[in-house]
């Protein structure tokens, strides 16, 4: 079982524009050509921040047109927010705030030996990283630059660095990079 931060980012390291748009992402390739189908099959629980959740709500009709349902995940999802958010009917959602360590234990239990996916954003992934709970970072790096926006990982990680496990081209629009998070590090590298 692994806790994985799986996301896409621009070549200059942003997961979304400053107004949370992902419009830059979709023209770059087909998700079915990436590792996503096999990745999601191994996921037993999901964590996301409130900005990601609100993006999902804003695009619910598009998701419904593509998948037949407004919520794309069957896995239980923990939404980290200090605000009250609108639930999605029939989705297995748990709205939480506070210590990610305590909540990670709940997620591990619910995942039943399968992986935990940190969908987004970078600030949430950093919280898991800082507590030593993040095992892998998997990034689909797109062939565009945004100049500014929401950073992939909004803090410095240098000592020790993440360990590159694999890199592969995905069509002409993406490079998929898979990194292992070293265990022998201080929580504030």
C-alpha atoms as a PDB file:
ATOM      1  CA  UNK A   1       0.000   0.000   0.000  1.00  0.00           C
ATOM      2  CA  UNK A   2       1.326   3.434  -0.981  1.00  0.00           C
ATOM      3  CA  UNK A   3       0.260   7.023  -0.502  1.00  0.00           C
ATOM      4  CA  UNK A   4       0.728   8.668  -3.885  1.00  0.00           C
ATOM      5  CA  UNK A   5       0.501  12.220  -5.182  1.00  0.00           C
ATOM      6  CA  UNK A   6      -0.559  11.679  -8.814  1.00  0.00           C
ATOM      7  CA  UNK A   7      -1.141  14.824 -10.844  1.00  0.00           C
ATOM      8  CA  UNK A   8      -0.341  16.785 -13.976  1.00  0.00           C
ATOM      9  CA  UNK A   9       1.791  19.901 -14.141  1.00  0.00           C
ATOM     10  CA  UNK A  10       3.003  22.368 -16.705  1.00  0.00           C
ATOM     11  CA  UNK A  11       6.652  22.280 -17.732  1.00  0.00           C
ATOM     12  CA  UNK A  12       7.291  25.195 -15.350  1.00  0.00           C
ATOM     13  CA  UNK A  13       5.718  23.390 -12.392  1.00  0.00           C
ATOM     14  CA  UNK A  14       2.096  24.518 -12.048  1.00  0.00           C
ATOM     15  CA  UNK A  15      -0.906  22.203 -11.613  1.00  0.00           C
ATOM     16  CA  UNK A  16      -3.452  24.922 -12.431  1.00  0.00           C
ATOM     17  CA  UNK A  17      -3.621  28.572 -13.374  1.00  0.00           C
ATOM     18  CA  UNK A  18      -4.022  31.169 -10.635  1.00  0.00           C
ATOM     19  CA  UNK A  19      -7.825  30.951 -11.089  1.00  0.00           C
ATOM     20  CA  UNK A  20      -7.785  27.108 -10.815  1.00  0.00           C
ATOM     21  CA  UNK A  21      -8.261  26.500 -14.548  1.00  0.00           C
ATOM     22  CA  UNK A  22      -7.104  23.252 -16.141  1.00  0.00           C
ATOM     23  CA  UNK A  23      -8.030  24.296 -19.673  1.00  0.00           C
ATOM     24  CA  UNK A  24      -4.346  24.101 -20.661  1.00  0.00           C
ATOM     25  CA  UNK A  25      -4.230  20.404 -19.761  1.00  0.00           C
ATOM     26  CA  UNK A  26      -6.907  18.671 -21.810  1.00  0.00           C
ATOM     27  CA  UNK A  27      -5.638  19.411 -25.358  1.00  0.00           C
ATOM     28  CA  UNK A  28      -2.286  17.753 -24.561  1.00  0.00           C
ATOM     29  CA  UNK A  29      -3.374  14.128 -24.750  1.00  0.00           C
ATOM     30  CA  UNK A  30      -5.782  11.363 -23.858  1.00  0.00           C
ATOM     31  CA  UNK A  31      -5.843  10.221 -20.231  1.00  0.00           C
ATOM     32  CA  UNK A  32      -6.264   6.631 -21.442  1.00  0.00           C
ATOM     33  CA  UNK A  33      -2.775   6.790 -22.979  1.00  0.00           C
ATOM     34  CA  UNK A  34      -1.239   7.519 -19.563  1.00  0.00           C
ATOM     35  CA  UNK A  35      -0.819   5.256 -16.554  1.00  0.00           C
ATOM     36  CA  UNK A  36      -4.075   6.615 -15.080  1.00  0.00           C
ATOM     37  CA  UNK A  37      -6.328   3.609 -15.904  1.00  0.00           C
ATOM     38  CA  UNK A  38      -3.990   1.156 -14.144  1.00  0.00           C
ATOM     39  CA  UNK A  39      -3.226   3.689 -11.398  1.00  0.00           C
ATOM     40  CA  UNK A  40      -6.878   4.317 -10.442  1.00  0.00           C
ATOM     41  CA  UNK A  41      -7.589   0.560 -10.424  1.00  0.00           C
ATOM     42  CA  UNK A  42      -5.180   0.269  -7.453  1.00  0.00           C
ATOM     43  CA  UNK A  43      -6.639   3.204  -5.462  1.00  0.00           C
ATOM     44  CA  UNK A  44      -8.699   2.418  -2.362  1.00  0.00           C
ATOM     45  CA  UNK A  45      -9.072   5.921  -0.870  1.00  0.00           C
ATOM     46  CA  UNK A  46      -8.737   9.508  -2.096  1.00  0.00           C
ATOM     47  CA  UNK A  47      -7.671  12.793  -0.474  1.00  0.00           C
ATOM     48  CA  UNK A  48      -8.293  16.192  -2.030  1.00  0.00           C
ATOM     49  CA  UNK A  49      -8.207  19.810  -0.995  1.00  0.00           C
ATOM     50  CA  UNK A  50     -11.146  22.169  -1.182  1.00  0.00           C
ATOM     51  CA  UNK A  51      -9.963  23.934  -4.387  1.00  0.00           C
ATOM     52  CA  UNK A  52      -9.830  20.568  -6.206  1.00  0.00           C
ATOM     53  CA  UNK A  53     -13.219  19.594  -4.818  1.00  0.00           C
ATOM     54  CA  UNK A  54     -14.772  22.895  -5.893  1.00  0.00           C
ATOM     55  CA  UNK A  55     -13.249  22.449  -9.373  1.00  0.00           C
ATOM     56  CA  UNK A  56     -14.929  19.033  -9.503  1.00  0.00           C
ATOM     57  CA  UNK A  57     -18.275  20.605  -8.555  1.00  0.00           C
ATOM     58  CA  UNK A  58     -17.922  23.333 -11.218  1.00  0.00           C
ATOM     59  CA  UNK A  59     -17.306  20.638 -13.855  1.00  0.00           C
ATOM     60  CA  UNK A  60     -19.881  18.110 -12.651  1.00  0.00           C
ATOM     61  CA  UNK A  61     -22.024  18.378 -15.791  1.00  0.00           C
ATOM     62  CA  UNK A  62     -19.031  17.653 -18.038  1.00  0.00           C
ATOM     63  CA  UNK A  63     -18.184  14.633 -15.885  1.00  0.00           C
ATOM     64  CA  UNK A  64     -21.803  13.469 -16.047  1.00  0.00           C
ATOM     65  CA  UNK A  65     -21.822  13.784 -19.852  1.00  0.00           C
ATOM     66  CA  UNK A  66     -18.651  11.666 -20.067  1.00  0.00           C
ATOM     67  CA  UNK A  67     -19.287   9.107 -17.312  1.00  0.00           C
ATOM     68  CA  UNK A  68     -23.025   9.186 -16.625  1.00  0.00           C
ATOM     69  CA  UNK A  69     -22.527  10.398 -13.051  1.00  0.00           C
ATOM     70  CA  UNK A  70     -21.494  13.748 -11.552  1.00  0.00           C
ATOM     71  CA  UNK A  71     -18.887  12.148  -9.256  1.00  0.00           C
ATOM     72  CA  UNK A  72     -16.178  10.118 -11.034  1.00  0.00           C
ATOM     73  CA  UNK A  73     -14.864   8.094  -8.066  1.00  0.00           C
ATOM     74  CA  UNK A  74     -16.230   5.009  -6.341  1.00  0.00           C
ATOM     75  CA  UNK A  75     -13.563   5.180  -3.642  1.00  0.00           C
ATOM     76  CA  UNK A  76     -14.232   6.964  -0.348  1.00  0.00           C
ATOM     77  CA  UNK A  77     -12.927  10.535  -0.618  1.00  0.00           C
ATOM     78  CA  UNK A  78     -11.670  12.766   2.184  1.00  0.00           C
ATOM     79  CA  UNK A  79     -12.058  16.445   1.352  1.00  0.00           C
ATOM     80  CA  UNK A  80      -9.745  18.619   3.451  1.00  0.00           C
ATOM     81  CA  UNK A  81     -11.262  22.030   4.126  1.00  0.00           C
ATOM     82  CA  UNK A  82     -11.828  24.477   6.948  1.00  0.00           C
ATOM     83  CA  UNK A  83     -15.040  25.611   5.218  1.00  0.00           C
ATOM     84  CA  UNK A  84     -18.449  24.006   4.848  1.00  0.00           C
ATOM     85  CA  UNK A  85     -18.792  22.580   1.337  1.00  0.00           C
ATOM     86  CA  UNK A  86     -21.783  21.277  -0.610  1.00  0.00           C
ATOM     87  CA  UNK A  87     -21.849  17.441  -0.715  1.00  0.00           C
ATOM     88  CA  UNK A  88     -22.413  15.465  -3.908  1.00  0.00           C
ATOM     89  CA  UNK A  89     -25.408  13.113  -3.598  1.00  0.00           C
ATOM     90  CA  UNK A  90     -24.464   9.427  -3.714  1.00  0.00           C
ATOM     91  CA  UNK A  91     -20.711  10.140  -3.426  1.00  0.00           C
ATOM     92  CA  UNK A  92     -18.783   8.631  -0.497  1.00  0.00           C
ATOM     93  CA  UNK A  93     -17.396  11.917   0.868  1.00  0.00           C
ATOM     94  CA  UNK A  94     -15.906  12.747   4.249  1.00  0.00           C
ATOM     95  CA  UNK A  95     -15.279  16.433   4.949  1.00  0.00           C
ATOM     96  CA  UNK A  96     -12.363  16.843   7.339  1.00  0.00           C
ATOM     97  CA  UNK A  97      -9.850  19.340   8.661  1.00  0.00           C
ATOM     98  CA  UNK A  98      -6.867  19.143  10.926  1.00  0.00           C
ATOM     99  CA  UNK A  99      -4.030  16.692  11.369  1.00  0.00           C
ATOM    100  CA  UNK A 100      -3.398  14.615   8.226  1.00  0.00           C
ATOM    101  CA  UNK A 101      -1.767  11.860  10.325  1.00  0.00           C
ATOM    102  CA  UNK A 102      -5.000  11.039  12.155  1.00  0.00           C
ATOM    103  CA  UNK A 103      -6.999  11.159   8.934  1.00  0.00           C
ATOM    104  CA  UNK A 104      -4.380   9.114   7.056  1.00  0.00           C
ATOM    105  CA  UNK A 105      -4.986   6.284   9.532  1.00  0.00           C
ATOM    106  CA  UNK A 106      -8.710   6.402   8.684  1.00  0.00           C
ATOM    107  CA  UNK A 107      -7.899   6.403   4.973  1.00  0.00           C
ATOM    108  CA  UNK A 108      -5.535   3.423   5.301  1.00  0.00           C
ATOM    109  CA  UNK A 109      -8.247   1.480   7.057  1.00  0.00           C
ATOM    110  CA  UNK A 110     -10.862   2.320   4.420  1.00  0.00           C
ATOM    111  CA  UNK A 111      -8.447   1.603   1.533  1.00  0.00           C
ATOM    112  CA  UNK A 112      -8.239  -2.055   2.538  1.00  0.00           C
ATOM    113  CA  UNK A 113      -4.610  -2.543   1.458  1.00  0.00           C
ATOM    114  CA  UNK A 114      -4.988  -0.547  -1.746  1.00  0.00           C
ATOM    115  CA  UNK A 115      -3.262   2.781  -2.420  1.00  0.00           C
ATOM    116  CA  UNK A 116      -4.214   6.260  -1.224  1.00  0.00           C
ATOM    117  CA  UNK A 117      -4.329   8.951  -3.906  1.00  0.00           C
ATOM    118  CA  UNK A 118      -3.676  12.565  -3.052  1.00  0.00           C
ATOM    119  CA  UNK A 119      -5.493  14.192  -5.966  1.00  0.00           C
ATOM    120  CA  UNK A 120      -4.643  17.772  -5.133  1.00  0.00           C
ATOM    121  CA  UNK A 121      -3.479  20.204  -4.531  1.00  0.00           C
ATOM    122  CA  UNK A 122       0.152  20.729  -3.865  1.00  0.00           C
ATOM    123  CA  UNK A 123      -0.428  22.230  -0.427  1.00  0.00           C
ATOM    124  CA  UNK A 124      -2.238  19.093   0.710  1.00  0.00           C
ATOM    125  CA  UNK A 125       0.487  16.842  -0.715  1.00  0.00           C
ATOM    126  CA  UNK A 126       3.065  18.867   1.252  1.00  0.00           C
ATOM    127  CA  UNK A 127       1.183  18.175   4.498  1.00  0.00           C
ATOM    128  CA  UNK A 128       1.414  14.421   3.881  1.00  0.00           C
ATOM    129  CA  UNK A 129       5.071  14.787   2.861  1.00  0.00           C
ATOM    130  CA  UNK A 130       5.944  16.758   6.004  1.00  0.00           C
ATOM    131  CA  UNK A 131       4.450  14.021   8.192  1.00  0.00           C
ATOM    132  CA  UNK A 132       6.422  11.284   6.387  1.00  0.00           C
ATOM    133  CA  UNK A 133       3.236   9.796   4.907  1.00  0.00           C
ATOM    134  CA  UNK A 134       3.910  10.339   1.192  1.00  0.00           C
ATOM    135  CA  UNK A 135       5.511   7.413  -0.671  1.00  0.00           C
ATOM    136  CA  UNK A 136       5.440   8.467  -4.340  1.00  0.00           C
ATOM    137  CA  UNK A 137       5.024  11.498  -6.559  1.00  0.00           C
ATOM    138  CA  UNK A 138       3.778  10.734 -10.080  1.00  0.00           C
ATOM    139  CA  UNK A 139       3.607  13.710 -12.431  1.00  0.00           C
ATOM    140  CA  UNK A 140       2.366  13.956 -16.005  1.00  0.00           C
ATOM    141  CA  UNK A 141       4.481  16.934 -17.139  1.00  0.00           C
ATOM    142  CA  UNK A 142       2.738  18.775 -19.969  1.00  0.00           C
ATOM    143  CA  UNK A 143       4.491  20.465 -22.869  1.00  0.00           C
ATOM    144  CA  UNK A 144       3.233  23.945 -21.974  1.00  0.00           C
ATOM    145  CA  UNK A 145       4.307  26.707 -19.607  1.00  0.00           C
ATOM    146  CA  UNK A 146       1.911  28.828 -17.565  1.00  0.00           C
ATOM    147  CA  UNK A 147       4.240  31.445 -16.114  1.00  0.00           C
ATOM    148  CA  UNK A 148       2.343  31.445 -12.839  1.00  0.00           C
ATOM    149  CA  UNK A 149      -0.383  29.526 -11.066  1.00  0.00           C
ATOM    150  CA  UNK A 150      -0.857  26.859  -8.396  1.00  0.00           C
ATOM    151  CA  UNK A 151       2.519  25.167  -7.762  1.00  0.00           C
ATOM    152  CA  UNK A 152       3.015  21.423  -8.061  1.00  0.00           C
ATOM    153  CA  UNK A 153       4.738  21.262  -4.670  1.00  0.00           C
ATOM    154  CA  UNK A 154       4.848  24.598  -2.852  1.00  0.00           C
ATOM    155  CA  UNK A 155       7.943  24.045  -0.757  1.00  0.00           C
ATOM    156  CA  UNK A 156      11.591  23.209  -1.175  1.00  0.00           C
ATOM    157  CA  UNK A 157      12.657  19.542  -1.179  1.00  0.00           C
ATOM    158  CA  UNK A 158      16.409  19.195  -1.576  1.00  0.00           C
ATOM    159  CA  UNK A 159      17.964  16.978   1.059  1.00  0.00           C
ATOM    160  CA  UNK A 160      17.585  14.238   0.272  1.00  0.00           C
ATOM    161  CA  UNK A 161      15.987  14.764  -3.145  1.00  0.00           C
ATOM    162  CA  UNK A 162      13.165  12.624  -4.466  1.00  0.00           C
ATOM    163  CA  UNK A 163      14.444   9.510  -6.271  1.00  0.00           C
ATOM    164  CA  UNK A 164      13.478   9.181  -9.942  1.00  0.00           C
ATOM    165  CA  UNK A 165      12.088   5.683 -10.527  1.00  0.00           C
ATOM    166  CA  UNK A 166      10.904   6.026 -14.131  1.00  0.00           C
ATOM    167  CA  UNK A 167      10.377   8.492 -16.958  1.00  0.00           C
ATOM    168  CA  UNK A 168       8.449   7.853 -20.150  1.00  0.00           C
ATOM    169  CA  UNK A 169       6.976   9.806 -23.020  1.00  0.00           C
ATOM    170  CA  UNK A 170       3.192   9.814 -23.319  1.00  0.00           C
ATOM    171  CA  UNK A 171       2.402  10.899 -26.849  1.00  0.00           C
ATOM    172  CA  UNK A 172       3.840  14.277 -27.804  1.00  0.00           C
ATOM    173  CA  UNK A 173       2.204  16.238 -24.992  1.00  0.00           C
ATOM    174  CA  UNK A 174       3.419  14.594 -21.766  1.00  0.00           C
ATOM    175  CA  UNK A 175       6.339  13.022 -19.970  1.00  0.00           C
ATOM    176  CA  UNK A 176       5.363  10.837 -17.036  1.00  0.00           C
ATOM    177  CA  UNK A 177       7.804  11.050 -14.144  1.00  0.00           C
ATOM    178  CA  UNK A 178       7.582   8.728 -11.152  1.00  0.00           C
ATOM    179  CA  UNK A 179       9.511   9.579  -7.987  1.00  0.00           C
ATOM    180  CA  UNK A 180       9.986   7.690  -4.742  1.00  0.00           C
ATOM    181  CA  UNK A 181       9.993   9.758  -1.558  1.00  0.00           C
ATOM    182  CA  UNK A 182      13.025   8.798   0.550  1.00  0.00           C
ATOM    183  CA  UNK A 183      12.235   7.569   4.052  1.00  0.00           C
ATOM    184  CA  UNK A 184      15.542   8.643   5.614  1.00  0.00           C
ATOM    185  CA  UNK A 185      14.905  12.378   5.762  1.00  0.00           C
ATOM    186  CA  UNK A 186      13.937  14.986   8.258  1.00  0.00           C
ATOM    187  CA  UNK A 187      10.308  16.053   8.026  1.00  0.00           C
ATOM    188  CA  UNK A 188      11.404  19.580   7.014  1.00  0.00           C
ATOM    189  CA  UNK A 189      14.034  18.973   4.308  1.00  0.00           C
END
